[in-house]
Amino acid sequence: MKKKTILISSILLLLIGGIYSCKPGPEYSVPEILNLNEGWSFQMEGDTDRLPAGVPGCVHTDLLAN
């Protein structure tokens, strides 16, 4: 009988402690969606001219296209 009382008391303490330890989280805003498929460019080191780049792709195909 004593073991049942201790077990029930322990369970109740865990439940009550769990309820009071739950705090509401911060409010989250809607994530911003970034379009990464356009607007890419590359340039030769030391040069100021930028050439358009395609994504997906690599510098070799971009050089051939330009």
N, C-alpha and C. Protein backbone atom coordinates (compact mmCIF):
# COMPACT_ATOMS: atom_id res chain seq x y z
N MET A 1 0.82 -1.19 0.00
CA MET A 1 0.00 0.00 0.00
C MET A 1 0.86 1.25 0.00
N LYS A 2 1.97 1.22 0.75
CA LYS A 2 2.85 2.38 0.82
C LYS A 2 3.51 2.64 -0.53
N LYS A 3 3.86 1.56 -1.25
CA LYS A 3 4.50 1.71 -2.57
C LYS A 3 3.53 2.34 -3.57
N LYS A 4 2.24 1.95 -3.49
CA LYS A 4 1.24 2.53 -4.39
C LYS A 4 1.07 4.02 -4.13
N THR A 5 1.06 4.42 -2.86
CA THR A 5 0.92 5.82 -2.50
C THR A 5 2.10 6.63 -3.00
N ILE A 6 3.30 6.09 -2.84
CA ILE A 6 4.50 6.78 -3.31
C ILE A 6 4.48 6.89 -4.83
N LEU A 7 4.07 5.82 -5.50
CA LEU A 7 4.01 5.81 -6.96
C LEU A 7 3.00 6.84 -7.47
N ILE A 8 1.82 6.86 -6.87
CA ILE A 8 0.79 7.81 -7.30
C ILE A 8 1.24 9.24 -7.00
N SER A 9 1.84 9.47 -5.86
CA SER A 9 2.33 10.80 -5.52
C SER A 9 3.41 11.25 -6.50
N SER A 10 4.29 10.34 -6.87
CA SER A 10 5.35 10.67 -7.82
C SER A 10 4.78 11.04 -9.18
N ILE A 11 3.80 10.27 -9.61
CA ILE A 11 3.17 10.54 -10.91
C ILE A 11 2.47 11.89 -10.89
N LEU A 12 1.75 12.18 -9.82
CA LEU A 12 1.07 13.46 -9.71
C LEU A 12 2.05 14.62 -9.71
N LEU A 13 3.15 14.47 -8.98
CA LEU A 13 4.16 15.53 -8.96
C LEU A 13 4.76 15.76 -10.35
N LEU A 14 5.01 14.67 -11.07
CA LEU A 14 5.55 14.81 -12.43
C LEU A 14 4.56 15.51 -13.35
N LEU A 15 3.29 15.15 -13.24
CA LEU A 15 2.27 15.78 -14.09
C LEU A 15 2.12 17.26 -13.76
N ILE A 16 2.04 17.59 -12.48
CA ILE A 16 1.89 18.99 -12.08
C ILE A 16 3.13 19.79 -12.47
N GLY A 17 4.30 19.21 -12.25
CA GLY A 17 5.54 19.90 -12.63
C GLY A 17 5.62 20.11 -14.13
N GLY A 18 5.17 19.15 -14.90
CA GLY A 18 5.18 19.27 -16.35
C GLY A 18 4.26 20.35 -16.85
N ILE A 19 3.10 20.49 -16.20
CA ILE A 19 2.14 21.51 -16.61
C ILE A 19 2.70 22.90 -16.34
N TYR A 20 3.30 23.10 -15.18
CA TYR A 20 3.81 24.43 -14.84
C TYR A 20 5.13 24.76 -15.53
N SER A 21 5.84 23.74 -16.02
CA SER A 21 7.10 24.04 -16.70
C SER A 21 6.89 24.39 -18.17
N CYS A 22 5.72 24.13 -18.70
CA CYS A 22 5.43 24.45 -20.10
C CYS A 22 5.14 25.94 -20.22
N LYS A 23 5.99 26.61 -20.94
CA LYS A 23 5.80 28.04 -21.16
C LYS A 23 5.52 28.26 -22.64
N PRO A 24 4.68 29.20 -22.96
CA PRO A 24 4.44 29.46 -24.38
C PRO A 24 5.70 29.96 -25.07
N GLY A 25 5.95 29.46 -26.25
CA GLY A 25 7.14 29.85 -27.01
C GLY A 25 6.96 31.22 -27.64
N PRO A 26 8.03 31.73 -28.24
CA PRO A 26 7.94 33.03 -28.90
C PRO A 26 7.06 32.93 -30.14
N GLU A 27 6.49 34.03 -30.50
CA GLU A 27 5.65 34.07 -31.69
C GLU A 27 6.56 34.08 -32.92
N TYR A 28 6.25 33.23 -33.87
CA TYR A 28 7.05 33.13 -35.08
C TYR A 28 6.32 33.77 -36.24
N SER A 29 7.05 34.46 -37.07
CA SER A 29 6.46 35.05 -38.26
C SER A 29 6.58 34.06 -39.41
N VAL A 30 5.89 34.34 -40.47
CA VAL A 30 5.94 33.49 -41.65
C VAL A 30 7.33 33.60 -42.26
N PRO A 31 7.97 32.46 -42.57
CA PRO A 31 9.32 32.53 -43.14
C PRO A 31 9.32 33.22 -44.51
N GLU A 32 10.40 33.94 -44.77
CA GLU A 32 10.55 34.63 -46.05
C GLU A 32 11.07 33.63 -47.07
N ILE A 33 10.48 33.62 -48.24
CA ILE A 33 10.90 32.71 -49.31
C ILE A 33 11.84 33.46 -50.23
N LEU A 34 13.04 32.92 -50.41
CA LEU A 34 14.02 33.54 -51.28
C LEU A 34 14.11 32.75 -52.57
N ASN A 35 14.06 33.42 -53.70
CA ASN A 35 14.20 32.78 -54.99
C ASN A 35 15.69 32.78 -55.34
N LEU A 36 16.30 31.62 -55.34
CA LEU A 36 17.74 31.50 -55.61
C LEU A 36 18.03 31.12 -57.06
N ASN A 37 17.01 31.13 -57.92
CA ASN A 37 17.18 30.70 -59.30
C ASN A 37 17.58 31.82 -60.25
N GLU A 38 17.67 33.03 -59.77
CA GLU A 38 17.99 34.14 -60.68
C GLU A 38 18.84 35.17 -59.96
N GLY A 39 19.47 36.04 -60.76
CA GLY A 39 20.24 37.13 -60.19
C GLY A 39 21.69 36.78 -59.89
N TRP A 40 22.18 35.64 -60.36
CA TRP A 40 23.57 35.25 -60.10
C TRP A 40 24.49 35.81 -61.16
N SER A 41 25.72 36.13 -60.79
CA SER A 41 26.72 36.61 -61.74
C SER A 41 28.11 36.23 -61.24
N PHE A 42 29.07 36.38 -62.13
CA PHE A 42 30.46 36.09 -61.76
C PHE A 42 31.36 37.10 -62.42
N GLN A 43 32.59 37.19 -61.95
CA GLN A 43 33.56 38.10 -62.55
C GLN A 43 34.95 37.53 -62.37
N MET A 44 35.83 37.97 -63.24
CA MET A 44 37.22 37.57 -63.13
C MET A 44 37.87 38.37 -62.00
N GLU A 45 38.74 37.74 -61.25
CA GLU A 45 39.41 38.41 -60.14
C GLU A 45 40.15 39.65 -60.64
N GLY A 46 39.90 40.78 -59.98
CA GLY A 46 40.54 42.03 -60.36
C GLY A 46 39.78 42.80 -61.42
N ASP A 47 38.73 42.21 -62.00
CA ASP A 47 37.94 42.88 -63.03
C ASP A 47 36.66 43.44 -62.41
N THR A 48 36.11 44.48 -63.00
CA THR A 48 34.88 45.06 -62.47
C THR A 48 33.65 44.63 -63.25
N ASP A 49 33.83 44.05 -64.43
CA ASP A 49 32.69 43.60 -65.24
C ASP A 49 32.16 42.28 -64.69
N ARG A 50 30.84 42.26 -64.48
CA ARG A 50 30.20 41.04 -64.00
C ARG A 50 29.41 40.44 -65.16
N LEU A 51 29.46 39.13 -65.29
CA LEU A 51 28.72 38.41 -66.32
C LEU A 51 27.63 37.57 -65.68
N PRO A 52 26.48 37.44 -66.36
CA PRO A 52 25.39 36.65 -65.77
C PRO A 52 25.76 35.17 -65.68
N ALA A 53 25.25 34.52 -64.65
CA ALA A 53 25.50 33.10 -64.43
C ALA A 53 24.17 32.38 -64.27
N GLY A 54 24.13 31.16 -64.74
CA GLY A 54 22.92 30.34 -64.61
C GLY A 54 23.02 29.40 -63.43
N VAL A 55 21.88 29.18 -62.76
CA VAL A 55 21.81 28.24 -61.65
C VAL A 55 20.68 27.28 -61.94
N PRO A 56 20.88 25.97 -61.92
CA PRO A 56 22.15 25.30 -61.65
C PRO A 56 23.07 25.42 -62.86
N GLY A 57 24.33 25.34 -62.61
CA GLY A 57 25.33 25.44 -63.66
C GLY A 57 26.71 25.52 -63.08
N CYS A 58 27.67 25.78 -63.94
CA CYS A 58 29.04 25.93 -63.48
C CYS A 58 29.69 27.05 -64.30
N VAL A 59 30.84 27.49 -63.87
CA VAL A 59 31.49 28.61 -64.52
C VAL A 59 31.84 28.29 -65.97
N HIS A 60 32.10 27.04 -66.27
CA HIS A 60 32.46 26.67 -67.65
C HIS A 60 31.30 26.89 -68.61
N THR A 61 30.10 26.46 -68.24
CA THR A 61 28.95 26.69 -69.11
C THR A 61 28.57 28.17 -69.16
N ASP A 62 28.78 28.90 -68.07
CA ASP A 62 28.52 30.34 -68.07
C ASP A 62 29.49 31.08 -68.98
N LEU A 63 30.75 30.67 -69.00
CA LEU A 63 31.73 31.29 -69.89
C LEU A 63 31.38 31.02 -71.34
N LEU A 64 30.95 29.79 -71.64
CA LEU A 64 30.55 29.47 -73.01
C LEU A 64 29.31 30.26 -73.44
N ALA A 65 28.38 30.44 -72.52
CA ALA A 65 27.15 31.19 -72.84
C ALA A 65 27.42 32.68 -73.04
N ASN A 66 28.45 33.21 -72.37
CA ASN A 66 28.76 34.63 -72.49
C ASN A 66 29.79 34.86 -73.57
